[in-house]
Amino acid sequence: MVLNPSLTQEEIQRHQRLIREYFAEVRSAEPVDIEFYDNGNEKGVYKVSVGNERFMAAAAARKREKLLLEEYNVLHELWGNTPEFFPRPISHYRPKEVETLGDLMIMELLPHLNLKKADRHVYTAEGGFYRALAYELGKAAVIIQAKTGRFSSDPNDGNILVRPTFDSLDLRFCDAIQFIPGTLEDAAITYLVDRNNRPEPYRFIKRFRAGLVDGMMVTQEISRDEAWRSTEFVRKYNDVF
């Protein structure tokens, strides 16, 4: 199966027409500049500048019949409860010619890049990028699940955004629709069973578990020892402790 096939010219032209139509309705006096950013299997994503201000990302459905309102609502819930991990939702737009143009979401444009594009060599702290990523994924999984009841069901490279500096790894997520209801254990297990897609939590399971523990201490009034015991289930996947 080919993942994230490139957008066709027809899709790009349709998306640009849809984006221009949206901005013509809401900010008709200002020029709009549209630049391709990325695409997945279901959406094309574009950077949008309005006047001299570059501040929005527009996600347009690849299939005309694909509606994005549910995803927009999930993003609103995720950002509302854990704004440190998601872009701010701005608007959902369903045009009059939705059968021709498809659906559109407008959201905050983050400075982060997905794992396929980010320069991991910027991060030079002890332990390296991938150990830091395992830790941050564990901590984020707990915090998001505790505050929203949802977890990442598809943590692939394109759905994880990072902004590394020499000693920190700022983590964000996209594709809100892949965040589904589940437990803390569901959240952790997703990373541990999908080793081909997301190998870091399994390879560096001590750092992943440390992230889980710190996330639990942030969201629950428990001690480190209690949090450590509560994450004992990870030993079923890699018992190196």
C-alpha atoms as a PDB file:
ATOM      1  CA  MET A   1       0.000   0.000   0.000  1.00  0.00           C
ATOM      2  CA  VAL A   2       1.312   3.450  -0.923  1.00  0.00           C
ATOM      3  CA  LEU A   3       1.116   5.797   2.052  1.00  0.00           C
ATOM      4  CA  ASN A   4       0.308   9.470   1.529  1.00  0.00           C
ATOM      5  CA  PRO A   5       0.383   9.524  -2.283  1.00  0.00           C
ATOM      6  CA  SER A   6       1.159  12.915  -3.763  1.00  0.00           C
ATOM      7  CA  LEU A   7      -1.708  15.263  -4.491  1.00  0.00           C
ATOM      8  CA  THR A   8      -2.844  15.429  -8.084  1.00  0.00           C
ATOM      9  CA  GLN A   9      -3.018  18.736  -9.933  1.00  0.00           C
ATOM     10  CA  GLU A  10      -6.812  18.472  -9.866  1.00  0.00           C
ATOM     11  CA  GLU A  11      -6.769  18.123  -6.073  1.00  0.00           C
ATOM     12  CA  ILE A  12      -4.395  21.051  -5.627  1.00  0.00           C
ATOM     13  CA  GLN A  13      -6.430  23.317  -7.892  1.00  0.00           C
ATOM     14  CA  ARG A  14      -9.676  22.328  -6.184  1.00  0.00           C
ATOM     15  CA  HIS A  15      -8.181  22.906  -2.746  1.00  0.00           C
ATOM     16  CA  GLN A  16      -6.841  26.314  -3.714  1.00  0.00           C
ATOM     17  CA  ARG A  17     -10.210  27.317  -5.099  1.00  0.00           C
ATOM     18  CA  LEU A  18     -11.880  26.167  -1.874  1.00  0.00           C
ATOM     19  CA  ILE A  19      -9.414  28.103   0.308  1.00  0.00           C
ATOM     20  CA  ARG A  20      -9.819  31.273  -1.758  1.00  0.00           C
ATOM     21  CA  GLU A  21     -13.587  30.949  -1.568  1.00  0.00           C
ATOM     22  CA  TYR A  22     -13.432  30.694   2.231  1.00  0.00           C
ATOM     23  CA  PHE A  23     -11.255  33.787   2.598  1.00  0.00           C
ATOM     24  CA  ALA A  24     -13.318  35.727   0.061  1.00  0.00           C
ATOM     25  CA  GLU A  25     -16.306  35.230   2.366  1.00  0.00           C
ATOM     26  CA  VAL A  26     -14.627  36.038   5.685  1.00  0.00           C
ATOM     27  CA  ARG A  27     -11.862  38.528   4.731  1.00  0.00           C
ATOM     28  CA  SER A  28     -12.774  39.742   1.292  1.00  0.00           C
ATOM     29  CA  ALA A  29     -10.608  42.865   1.287  1.00  0.00           C
ATOM     30  CA  GLU A  30      -7.250  41.120   1.762  1.00  0.00           C
ATOM     31  CA  PRO A  31      -5.143  39.157  -0.746  1.00  0.00           C
ATOM     32  CA  VAL A  32      -4.529  35.475  -0.036  1.00  0.00           C
ATOM     33  CA  ASP A  33      -1.301  33.595  -0.710  1.00  0.00           C
ATOM     34  CA  ILE A  34      -1.447  29.777  -0.622  1.00  0.00           C
ATOM     35  CA  GLU A  35       1.587  27.501  -0.341  1.00  0.00           C
ATOM     36  CA  PHE A  36       1.546  23.689  -0.256  1.00  0.00           C
ATOM     37  CA  TYR A  37       2.681  22.339   3.129  1.00  0.00           C
ATOM     38  CA  ASP A  38       2.014  18.592   3.323  1.00  0.00           C
ATOM     39  CA  ASN A  39      -0.541  15.913   2.577  1.00  0.00           C
ATOM     40  CA  GLY A  40      -1.833  12.657   3.995  1.00  0.00           C
ATOM     41  CA  ASN A  41      -4.126   9.997   2.636  1.00  0.00           C
ATOM     42  CA  GLU A  42      -7.247  12.060   3.307  1.00  0.00           C
ATOM     43  CA  LYS A  43      -6.202  15.736   3.306  1.00  0.00           C
ATOM     44  CA  GLY A  44      -3.978  18.273   1.654  1.00  0.00           C
ATOM     45  CA  VAL A  45      -2.522  20.896   4.001  1.00  0.00           C
ATOM     46  CA  TYR A  46      -1.531  24.411   2.947  1.00  0.00           C
ATOM     47  CA  LYS A  47       0.118  27.445   4.514  1.00  0.00           C
ATOM     48  CA  VAL A  48      -2.084  30.486   4.071  1.00  0.00           C
ATOM     49  CA  SER A  49      -0.951  34.123   4.237  1.00  0.00           C
ATOM     50  CA  VAL A  50      -3.546  36.874   4.429  1.00  0.00           C
ATOM     51  CA  GLY A  51      -2.052  40.260   3.631  1.00  0.00           C
ATOM     52  CA  ASN A  52       1.321  40.379   5.380  1.00  0.00           C
ATOM     53  CA  GLU A  53       0.327  37.832   8.017  1.00  0.00           C
ATOM     54  CA  ARG A  54       1.239  34.135   7.754  1.00  0.00           C
ATOM     55  CA  PHE A  55      -0.638  32.409  10.493  1.00  0.00           C
ATOM     56  CA  MET A  56      -3.004  29.734   9.227  1.00  0.00           C
ATOM     57  CA  ALA A  57      -2.949  26.166   8.027  1.00  0.00           C
ATOM     58  CA  ALA A  58      -5.777  24.995   5.782  1.00  0.00           C
ATOM     59  CA  ALA A  59      -6.633  21.291   5.542  1.00  0.00           C
ATOM     60  CA  ALA A  60      -8.800  20.340   2.567  1.00  0.00           C
ATOM     61  CA  ALA A  61     -10.403  16.939   1.998  1.00  0.00           C
ATOM     62  CA  ARG A  62      -8.951  14.893  -0.857  1.00  0.00           C
ATOM     63  CA  LYS A  63     -12.291  13.204  -1.509  1.00  0.00           C
ATOM     64  CA  ARG A  64     -15.158  15.574  -2.222  1.00  0.00           C
ATOM     65  CA  GLU A  65     -17.529  13.462  -0.125  1.00  0.00           C
ATOM     66  CA  LYS A  66     -15.211  13.469   2.917  1.00  0.00           C
ATOM     67  CA  LEU A  67     -16.598  15.813   5.574  1.00  0.00           C
ATOM     68  CA  LEU A  68     -14.264  17.308   8.186  1.00  0.00           C
ATOM     69  CA  LEU A  69     -16.688  18.629  10.786  1.00  0.00           C
ATOM     70  CA  GLU A  70     -16.227  15.631  13.095  1.00  0.00           C
ATOM     71  CA  GLU A  71     -12.446  16.014  12.954  1.00  0.00           C
ATOM     72  CA  TYR A  72     -12.761  19.744  13.587  1.00  0.00           C
ATOM     73  CA  ASN A  73     -14.911  19.064  16.657  1.00  0.00           C
ATOM     74  CA  VAL A  74     -12.412  16.501  17.986  1.00  0.00           C
ATOM     75  CA  LEU A  75      -9.571  18.993  17.470  1.00  0.00           C
ATOM     76  CA  HIS A  76     -11.611  21.602  19.344  1.00  0.00           C
ATOM     77  CA  GLU A  77     -11.991  19.170  22.262  1.00  0.00           C
ATOM     78  CA  LEU A  78      -8.317  18.167  22.266  1.00  0.00           C
ATOM     79  CA  TRP A  79      -7.020  21.719  22.009  1.00  0.00           C
ATOM     80  CA  GLY A  80      -9.515  22.976  24.578  1.00  0.00           C
ATOM     81  CA  ASN A  81      -8.256  20.479  27.177  1.00  0.00           C
ATOM     82  CA  THR A  82      -4.596  20.120  26.162  1.00  0.00           C
ATOM     83  CA  PRO A  83      -3.623  23.212  24.123  1.00  0.00           C
ATOM     84  CA  GLU A  84       0.063  22.448  24.667  1.00  0.00           C
ATOM     85  CA  PHE A  85      -0.177  19.491  22.268  1.00  0.00           C
ATOM     86  CA  PHE A  86      -2.427  20.640  19.390  1.00  0.00           C
ATOM     87  CA  PRO A  87      -2.869  23.511  16.927  1.00  0.00           C
ATOM     88  CA  ARG A  88      -5.644  25.967  17.724  1.00  0.00           C
ATOM     89  CA  PRO A  89      -8.742  25.285  15.605  1.00  0.00           C
ATOM     90  CA  ILE A  90     -10.003  28.397  13.811  1.00  0.00           C
ATOM     91  CA  SER A  91     -12.878  27.458  11.552  1.00  0.00           C
ATOM     92  CA  HIS A  92     -14.690  24.692   9.701  1.00  0.00           C
ATOM     93  CA  TYR A  93     -16.051  25.585   6.272  1.00  0.00           C
ATOM     94  CA  ARG A  94     -18.538  23.726   4.144  1.00  0.00           C
ATOM     95  CA  PRO A  95     -19.044  25.567   0.850  1.00  0.00           C
ATOM     96  CA  LYS A  96     -22.315  25.810  -1.043  1.00  0.00           C
ATOM     97  CA  GLU A  97     -20.705  23.673  -3.752  1.00  0.00           C
ATOM     98  CA  VAL A  98     -19.495  21.025  -1.309  1.00  0.00           C
ATOM     99  CA  GLU A  99     -20.121  18.234  -3.849  1.00  0.00           C
ATOM    100  CA  THR A 100     -17.643  19.965  -6.169  1.00  0.00           C
ATOM    101  CA  LEU A 101     -15.117  21.443  -3.758  1.00  0.00           C
ATOM    102  CA  GLY A 102     -15.156  19.266  -0.640  1.00  0.00           C
ATOM    103  CA  ASP A 103     -14.709  20.334   2.989  1.00  0.00           C
ATOM    104  CA  LEU A 104     -12.171  22.621   4.703  1.00  0.00           C
ATOM    105  CA  MET A 105     -10.624  23.128   8.149  1.00  0.00           C
ATOM    106  CA  ILE A 106      -8.643  26.214   9.163  1.00  0.00           C
ATOM    107  CA  MET A 107      -6.273  26.000  12.119  1.00  0.00           C
ATOM    108  CA  GLU A 108      -3.204  27.556  13.674  1.00  0.00           C
ATOM    109  CA  LEU A 109      -0.001  27.168  11.674  1.00  0.00           C
ATOM    110  CA  LEU A 110       2.577  25.654  14.003  1.00  0.00           C
ATOM    111  CA  PRO A 111       6.336  26.092  13.523  1.00  0.00           C
ATOM    112  CA  HIS A 112       6.781  22.355  14.166  1.00  0.00           C
ATOM    113  CA  LEU A 113       7.563  19.765  11.476  1.00  0.00           C
ATOM    114  CA  ASN A 114       6.524  16.141  11.305  1.00  0.00           C
ATOM    115  CA  LEU A 115       9.056  13.442  12.126  1.00  0.00           C
ATOM    116  CA  LYS A 116       9.754  12.791   8.450  1.00  0.00           C
ATOM    117  CA  LYS A 117      10.900  16.377   7.931  1.00  0.00           C
ATOM    118  CA  ALA A 118      12.249  17.633  11.265  1.00  0.00           C
ATOM    119  CA  ASP A 119      16.026  17.961  11.713  1.00  0.00           C
ATOM    120  CA  ARG A 120      16.645  15.561  14.594  1.00  0.00           C
ATOM    121  CA  HIS A 121      20.349  16.469  14.656  1.00  0.00           C
ATOM    122  CA  VAL A 122      19.482  19.841  16.213  1.00  0.00           C
ATOM    123  CA  TYR A 123      18.844  17.996  19.482  1.00  0.00           C
ATOM    124  CA  THR A 124      22.265  17.334  21.052  1.00  0.00           C
ATOM    125  CA  ALA A 125      21.430  16.663  24.722  1.00  0.00           C
ATOM    126  CA  GLU A 126      22.718  13.509  26.405  1.00  0.00           C
ATOM    127  CA  GLY A 127      20.834  10.386  25.372  1.00  0.00           C
ATOM    128  CA  GLY A 128      19.989  11.620  21.913  1.00  0.00           C
ATOM    129  CA  PHE A 129      16.860  12.465  19.969  1.00  0.00           C
ATOM    130  CA  TYR A 130      15.131   9.075  19.986  1.00  0.00           C
ATOM    131  CA  ARG A 131      15.378   8.521  23.727  1.00  0.00           C
ATOM    132  CA  ALA A 132      13.979  12.008  24.265  1.00  0.00           C
ATOM    133  CA  LEU A 133      11.178  11.252  21.819  1.00  0.00           C
ATOM    134  CA  ALA A 134      10.274   8.040  23.688  1.00  0.00           C
ATOM    135  CA  TYR A 135      10.032  10.003  26.942  1.00  0.00           C
ATOM    136  CA  GLU A 136       7.962  12.842  25.468  1.00  0.00           C
ATOM    137  CA  LEU A 137       5.562  10.424  23.766  1.00  0.00           C
ATOM    138  CA  GLY A 138       4.953   8.632  27.064  1.00  0.00           C
ATOM    139  CA  LYS A 139       4.375  11.824  29.013  1.00  0.00           C
ATOM    140  CA  ALA A 140       2.088  13.307  26.354  1.00  0.00           C
ATOM    141  CA  ALA A 141       0.076  10.078  26.059  1.00  0.00           C
ATOM    142  CA  VAL A 142      -0.776  10.166  29.754  1.00  0.00           C
ATOM    143  CA  ILE A 143      -1.611  13.871  29.897  1.00  0.00           C
ATOM    144  CA  ILE A 144      -3.819  13.794  26.800  1.00  0.00           C
ATOM    145  CA  GLN A 145      -5.649  10.653  27.908  1.00  0.00           C
ATOM    146  CA  ALA A 146      -6.163  11.957  31.449  1.00  0.00           C
ATOM    147  CA  LYS A 147      -7.595  15.287  30.264  1.00  0.00           C
ATOM    148  CA  THR A 148      -9.578  14.170  27.209  1.00  0.00           C
ATOM    149  CA  GLY A 149     -10.142  10.404  27.528  1.00  0.00           C
ATOM    150  CA  ARG A 150      -8.550   9.983  24.086  1.00  0.00           C
ATOM    151  CA  PHE A 151      -5.323   8.483  22.772  1.00  0.00           C
ATOM    152  CA  SER A 152      -3.410   8.355  19.506  1.00  0.00           C
ATOM    153  CA  SER A 153      -4.490   5.298  17.515  1.00  0.00           C
ATOM    154  CA  ASP A 154      -2.064   5.936  14.636  1.00  0.00           C
ATOM    155  CA  PRO A 155       1.192   7.498  15.884  1.00  0.00           C
ATOM    156  CA  ASN A 156       3.013   7.477  12.552  1.00  0.00           C
ATOM    157  CA  ASP A 157       5.730   9.935  11.511  1.00  0.00           C
ATOM    158  CA  GLY A 158       3.274  12.201   9.704  1.00  0.00           C
ATOM    159  CA  ASN A 159       0.999  12.578  12.736  1.00  0.00           C
ATOM    160  CA  ILE A 160       3.726  13.570  15.208  1.00  0.00           C
ATOM    161  CA  LEU A 161       5.153  17.087  15.069  1.00  0.00           C
ATOM    162  CA  VAL A 162       8.355  18.200  16.782  1.00  0.00           C
ATOM    163  CA  ARG A 163      10.375  21.360  17.219  1.00  0.00           C
ATOM    164  CA  PRO A 164      13.778  20.310  18.550  1.00  0.00           C
ATOM    165  CA  THR A 165      16.374  22.612  20.059  1.00  0.00           C
ATOM    166  CA  PHE A 166      19.755  21.531  21.380  1.00  0.00           C
ATOM    167  CA  ASP A 167      18.287  20.507  24.762  1.00  0.00           C
ATOM    168  CA  SER A 168      14.493  20.246  24.349  1.00  0.00           C
ATOM    169  CA  LEU A 169      11.957  18.494  22.155  1.00  0.00           C
ATOM    170  CA  ASP A 170       8.669  20.351  21.849  1.00  0.00           C
ATOM    171  CA  LEU A 171       6.009  17.809  20.840  1.00  0.00           C
ATOM    172  CA  ARG A 172       2.696  18.359  19.041  1.00  0.00           C
ATOM    173  CA  PHE A 173       0.184  16.165  17.206  1.00  0.00           C
ATOM    174  CA  CYS A 174      -1.970  16.529  14.099  1.00  0.00           C
ATOM    175  CA  ASP A 175      -4.751  14.532  12.417  1.00  0.00           C
ATOM    176  CA  ALA A 176      -7.103  14.856  15.376  1.00  0.00           C
ATOM    177  CA  ILE A 177      -9.535  12.250  14.070  1.00  0.00           C
ATOM    178  CA  GLN A 178      -7.036   9.480  14.921  1.00  0.00           C
ATOM    179  CA  PHE A 179      -7.401  10.343  18.634  1.00  0.00           C
ATOM    180  CA  ILE A 180     -10.053   7.919  19.842  1.00  0.00           C
ATOM    181  CA  PRO A 181     -11.574   7.180  23.274  1.00  0.00           C
ATOM    182  CA  GLY A 182      -9.631   4.767  25.458  1.00  0.00           C
ATOM    183  CA  THR A 183      -7.756   4.123  28.682  1.00  0.00           C
ATOM    184  CA  LEU A 184      -4.247   5.001  29.785  1.00  0.00           C
ATOM    185  CA  GLU A 185      -3.184   1.437  29.094  1.00  0.00           C
ATOM    186  CA  ASP A 186      -4.680   1.692  25.586  1.00  0.00           C
ATOM    187  CA  ALA A 187      -2.624   4.845  25.045  1.00  0.00           C
ATOM    188  CA  ALA A 188       0.643   3.200  26.085  1.00  0.00           C
ATOM    189  CA  ILE A 189       0.024  -0.112  24.344  1.00  0.00           C
ATOM    190  CA  THR A 190      -0.594   1.574  20.992  1.00  0.00           C
ATOM    191  CA  TYR A 191       3.029   2.704  20.981  1.00  0.00           C
ATOM    192  CA  LEU A 192       4.436  -0.579  22.267  1.00  0.00           C
ATOM    193  CA  VAL A 193       2.707  -2.962  19.847  1.00  0.00           C
ATOM    194  CA  ASP A 194       3.326  -0.919  16.681  1.00  0.00           C
ATOM    195  CA  ARG A 195       7.094  -1.330  16.665  1.00  0.00           C
ATOM    196  CA  ASN A 196       7.530  -0.965  12.908  1.00  0.00           C
ATOM    197  CA  ASN A 197       5.557   2.268  12.813  1.00  0.00           C
ATOM    198  CA  ARG A 198       6.829   3.744  16.089  1.00  0.00           C
ATOM    199  CA  PRO A 199       9.902   1.861  17.414  1.00  0.00           C
ATOM    200  CA  GLU A 200      11.224   4.352  19.994  1.00  0.00           C
ATOM    201  CA  PRO A 201       8.916   3.525  22.965  1.00  0.00           C
ATOM    202  CA  TYR A 202       9.780  -0.191  22.692  1.00  0.00           C
ATOM    203  CA  ARG A 203      13.499   0.291  22.052  1.00  0.00           C
ATOM    204  CA  PHE A 204      13.857   2.857  24.824  1.00  0.00           C
ATOM    205  CA  ILE A 205      11.133   1.543  27.088  1.00  0.00           C
ATOM    206  CA  LYS A 206      12.767   2.833  30.280  1.00  0.00           C
ATOM    207  CA  ARG A 207      12.548   6.392  28.936  1.00  0.00           C
ATOM    208  CA  PHE A 208       9.015   5.773  27.675  1.00  0.00           C
ATOM    209  CA  ARG A 209       7.963   4.487  31.091  1.00  0.00           C
ATOM    210  CA  ALA A 210       9.640   7.473  32.761  1.00  0.00           C
ATOM    211  CA  GLY A 211       7.465   9.700  30.564  1.00  0.00           C
ATOM    212  CA  LEU A 212       4.363   7.758  31.577  1.00  0.00           C
ATOM    213  CA  VAL A 213       5.296   8.148  35.245  1.00  0.00           C
ATOM    214  CA  ASP A 214       5.955  11.886  34.981  1.00  0.00           C
ATOM    215  CA  GLY A 215       2.713  12.345  33.062  1.00  0.00           C
ATOM    216  CA  MET A 216       0.811  10.560  35.827  1.00  0.00           C
ATOM    217  CA  MET A 217       2.421  12.771  38.457  1.00  0.00           C
ATOM    218  CA  VAL A 218       1.314  15.856  36.501  1.00  0.00           C
ATOM    219  CA  THR A 219      -2.288  14.707  36.163  1.00  0.00           C
ATOM    220  CA  GLN A 220      -2.828  12.698  39.354  1.00  0.00           C
ATOM    221  CA  GLU A 221      -2.054  13.296  43.013  1.00  0.00           C
ATOM    222  CA  ILE A 222       0.157  10.242  43.418  1.00  0.00           C
ATOM    223  CA  SER A 223       3.769   9.615  44.333  1.00  0.00           C
ATOM    224  CA  ARG A 224       6.452   8.534  41.910  1.00  0.00           C
ATOM    225  CA  ASP A 225       6.449   5.063  43.459  1.00  0.00           C
ATOM    226  CA  GLU A 226       2.673   4.767  42.944  1.00  0.00           C
ATOM    227  CA  ALA A 227       2.987   5.933  39.351  1.00  0.00           C
ATOM    228  CA  TRP A 228       5.813   3.447  38.743  1.00  0.00           C
ATOM    229  CA  ARG A 229       3.708   0.582  40.073  1.00  0.00           C
ATOM    230  CA  SER A 230       0.750   1.712  37.944  1.00  0.00           C
ATOM    231  CA  THR A 231       2.875   1.358  34.801  1.00  0.00           C
ATOM    232  CA  GLU A 232       3.983  -2.196  35.601  1.00  0.00           C
ATOM    233  CA  PHE A 233       1.927  -3.428  32.621  1.00  0.00           C
ATOM    234  CA  VAL A 234       4.632  -2.245  30.173  1.00  0.00           C
ATOM    235  CA  ARG A 235       6.822  -5.166  31.281  1.00  0.00           C
ATOM    236  CA  LYS A 236       4.603  -7.444  29.201  1.00  0.00           C
ATOM    237  CA  TYR A 237       6.004  -5.783  26.070  1.00  0.00           C
ATOM    238  CA  ASN A 238       9.682  -5.390  26.963  1.00  0.00           C
ATOM    239  CA  ASP A 239      10.808  -6.627  30.352  1.00  0.00           C
ATOM    240  CA  VAL A 240      14.219  -4.984  30.694  1.00  0.00           C
ATOM    241  CA  PHE A 241      13.605  -3.531  34.153  1.00  0.00           C
END
